[in-house]
Amino acid sequence: MSDEIMTLKEVAGYLKLAEKTAYRLAAEGKLPGFKVGGSWRFKREDILKWIEEQKKRTE
C-alpha cells in the first residue's frame, strides 16, 4: 500500500534521525507531515518525495 501512514518514531528510524530531530523538522514545516489528535503522522509517499527533493538540493 503506497499510502502507508508512518508515526514520528517510524519516520525517525527510517531517516536514521533522533526522534527529537524528526519532531523539530516536522514542527518547522521542513518534513512533510500532519497531526492527528496531537500526534505527528507522515505518508510514506510524501517522505520518499521529500528525500528525492533533498537529494536534488545537494547536487
N, C-alpha and C. Protein backbone atom coordinates (compact mmCIF):
# COMPACT_ATOMS: atom_id res chain seq x y z
N MET A 1 0.85 -1.18 0.00
CA MET A 1 0.00 0.00 0.00
C MET A 1 0.89 1.24 0.00
N SER A 2 0.80 2.06 -1.04
CA SER A 2 1.69 3.20 -1.17
C SER A 2 1.31 4.35 -0.25
N ASP A 3 0.06 4.38 0.23
CA ASP A 3 -0.38 5.46 1.12
C ASP A 3 -0.19 5.10 2.58
N GLU A 4 0.79 4.28 2.87
CA GLU A 4 1.03 3.86 4.24
C GLU A 4 1.35 5.07 5.12
N ILE A 5 0.75 5.10 6.30
CA ILE A 5 0.95 6.17 7.25
C ILE A 5 2.00 5.73 8.27
N MET A 6 2.95 6.62 8.52
CA MET A 6 4.03 6.31 9.45
C MET A 6 3.95 7.25 10.66
N THR A 7 4.40 6.75 11.80
CA THR A 7 4.47 7.57 13.01
C THR A 7 5.79 8.34 13.01
N LEU A 8 5.91 9.26 13.93
CA LEU A 8 7.15 10.02 14.08
C LEU A 8 8.32 9.08 14.36
N LYS A 9 8.09 8.10 15.22
CA LYS A 9 9.14 7.14 15.56
C LYS A 9 9.58 6.35 14.34
N GLU A 10 8.62 5.94 13.52
CA GLU A 10 8.94 5.17 12.31
C GLU A 10 9.71 6.02 11.30
N VAL A 11 9.29 7.28 11.12
CA VAL A 11 9.99 8.18 10.19
C VAL A 11 11.40 8.46 10.69
N ALA A 12 11.55 8.69 11.97
CA ALA A 12 12.88 8.93 12.54
C ALA A 12 13.78 7.73 12.29
N GLY A 13 13.26 6.54 12.51
CA GLY A 13 14.05 5.33 12.26
C GLY A 13 14.39 5.16 10.80
N TYR A 14 13.42 5.43 9.94
CA TYR A 14 13.62 5.29 8.50
C TYR A 14 14.70 6.25 8.00
N LEU A 15 14.68 7.49 8.52
CA LEU A 15 15.65 8.50 8.10
C LEU A 15 16.93 8.48 8.93
N LYS A 16 16.99 7.56 9.89
CA LYS A 16 18.16 7.45 10.78
C LYS A 16 18.40 8.76 11.53
N LEU A 17 17.31 9.32 12.07
CA LEU A 17 17.37 10.55 12.84
C LEU A 17 16.92 10.27 14.27
N ALA A 18 17.32 11.14 15.17
CA ALA A 18 16.77 11.08 16.52
C ALA A 18 15.31 11.53 16.42
N GLU A 19 14.45 10.97 17.26
CA GLU A 19 13.04 11.36 17.23
C GLU A 19 12.88 12.86 17.45
N LYS A 20 13.70 13.41 18.33
CA LYS A 20 13.65 14.84 18.63
C LYS A 20 13.93 15.67 17.37
N THR A 21 14.88 15.23 16.56
CA THR A 21 15.22 15.94 15.32
C THR A 21 14.08 15.84 14.32
N ALA A 22 13.51 14.66 14.17
CA ALA A 22 12.38 14.47 13.25
C ALA A 22 11.20 15.34 13.70
N TYR A 23 10.96 15.40 14.99
CA TYR A 23 9.87 16.23 15.53
C TYR A 23 10.11 17.70 15.19
N ARG A 24 11.34 18.17 15.40
CA ARG A 24 11.68 19.57 15.12
C ARG A 24 11.50 19.89 13.65
N LEU A 25 11.97 19.01 12.77
CA LEU A 25 11.83 19.23 11.33
C LEU A 25 10.35 19.29 10.93
N ALA A 26 9.55 18.42 11.50
CA ALA A 26 8.11 18.42 11.20
C ALA A 26 7.46 19.70 11.72
N ALA A 27 7.79 20.09 12.93
CA ALA A 27 7.21 21.28 13.54
C ALA A 27 7.59 22.55 12.78
N GLU A 28 8.78 22.55 12.19
CA GLU A 28 9.25 23.70 11.42
C GLU A 28 8.72 23.68 9.99
N GLY A 29 8.00 22.62 9.62
CA GLY A 29 7.46 22.51 8.27
C GLY A 29 8.47 22.04 7.25
N LYS A 30 9.60 21.55 7.71
CA LYS A 30 10.65 21.08 6.81
C LYS A 30 10.46 19.62 6.41
N LEU A 31 9.73 18.89 7.18
CA LEU A 31 9.42 17.49 6.92
C LEU A 31 7.92 17.39 6.71
N PRO A 32 7.47 16.82 5.58
CA PRO A 32 6.04 16.82 5.28
C PRO A 32 5.25 15.87 6.17
N GLY A 33 4.42 16.43 7.03
CA GLY A 33 3.61 15.61 7.93
C GLY A 33 2.35 16.35 8.32
N PHE A 34 1.54 15.70 9.12
CA PHE A 34 0.30 16.29 9.60
C PHE A 34 0.01 15.72 10.98
N LYS A 35 -0.79 16.44 11.73
CA LYS A 35 -1.11 15.98 13.08
C LYS A 35 -2.49 15.35 13.12
N VAL A 36 -2.58 14.26 13.86
CA VAL A 36 -3.85 13.59 14.13
C VAL A 36 -3.95 13.49 15.65
N GLY A 37 -4.89 14.22 16.21
CA GLY A 37 -5.06 14.19 17.66
C GLY A 37 -3.81 14.59 18.42
N GLY A 38 -3.04 15.50 17.86
CA GLY A 38 -1.84 15.98 18.55
C GLY A 38 -0.59 15.17 18.26
N SER A 39 -0.71 14.08 17.51
CA SER A 39 0.46 13.24 17.18
C SER A 39 0.79 13.38 15.70
N TRP A 40 2.08 13.47 15.41
CA TRP A 40 2.52 13.58 14.02
C TRP A 40 2.35 12.28 13.27
N ARG A 41 1.91 12.41 12.01
CA ARG A 41 1.79 11.28 11.09
C ARG A 41 2.37 11.70 9.74
N PHE A 42 2.88 10.73 9.00
CA PHE A 42 3.53 11.01 7.73
C PHE A 42 3.12 9.96 6.71
N LYS A 43 2.86 10.40 5.48
CA LYS A 43 2.59 9.46 4.39
C LYS A 43 3.94 9.01 3.85
N ARG A 44 4.13 7.72 3.73
CA ARG A 44 5.41 7.19 3.22
C ARG A 44 5.75 7.81 1.86
N GLU A 45 4.74 7.94 1.01
CA GLU A 45 4.94 8.52 -0.32
C GLU A 45 5.50 9.94 -0.23
N ASP A 46 4.98 10.74 0.71
CA ASP A 46 5.46 12.11 0.89
C ASP A 46 6.91 12.13 1.37
N ILE A 47 7.25 11.21 2.25
CA ILE A 47 8.63 11.13 2.76
C ILE A 47 9.59 10.76 1.63
N LEU A 48 9.19 9.83 0.78
CA LEU A 48 10.04 9.44 -0.34
C LEU A 48 10.25 10.60 -1.30
N LYS A 49 9.19 11.37 -1.57
CA LYS A 49 9.31 12.55 -2.43
C LYS A 49 10.23 13.57 -1.79
N TRP A 50 10.10 13.77 -0.47
CA TRP A 50 10.92 14.73 0.26
C TRP A 50 12.40 14.33 0.16
N ILE A 51 12.70 13.05 0.27
CA ILE A 51 14.08 12.56 0.17
C ILE A 51 14.64 12.92 -1.21
N GLU A 52 13.86 12.68 -2.26
CA GLU A 52 14.32 13.00 -3.62
C GLU A 52 14.58 14.49 -3.78
N GLU A 53 13.72 15.33 -3.19
CA GLU A 53 13.92 16.78 -3.25
C GLU A 53 15.22 17.18 -2.54
N GLN A 54 15.48 16.56 -1.40
CA GLN A 54 16.69 16.87 -0.65
C GLN A 54 17.94 16.46 -1.44
N LYS A 55 17.85 15.35 -2.14
CA LYS A 55 18.99 14.90 -2.96
C LYS A 55 19.28 15.88 -4.09
N LYS A 56 18.22 16.43 -4.70
CA LYS A 56 18.39 17.39 -5.80
C LYS A 56 19.02 18.69 -5.29
N ARG A 57 18.71 19.08 -4.06
CA ARG A 57 19.25 20.31 -3.50
C ARG A 57 20.75 20.24 -3.32
N THR A 58 21.27 19.05 -3.07
CA THR A 58 22.70 18.91 -2.79
C THR A 58 23.53 18.62 -4.04
N GLU A 59 22.85 18.47 -5.17
CA GLU A 59 23.59 18.16 -6.41
C GLU A 59 24.17 19.42 -7.02
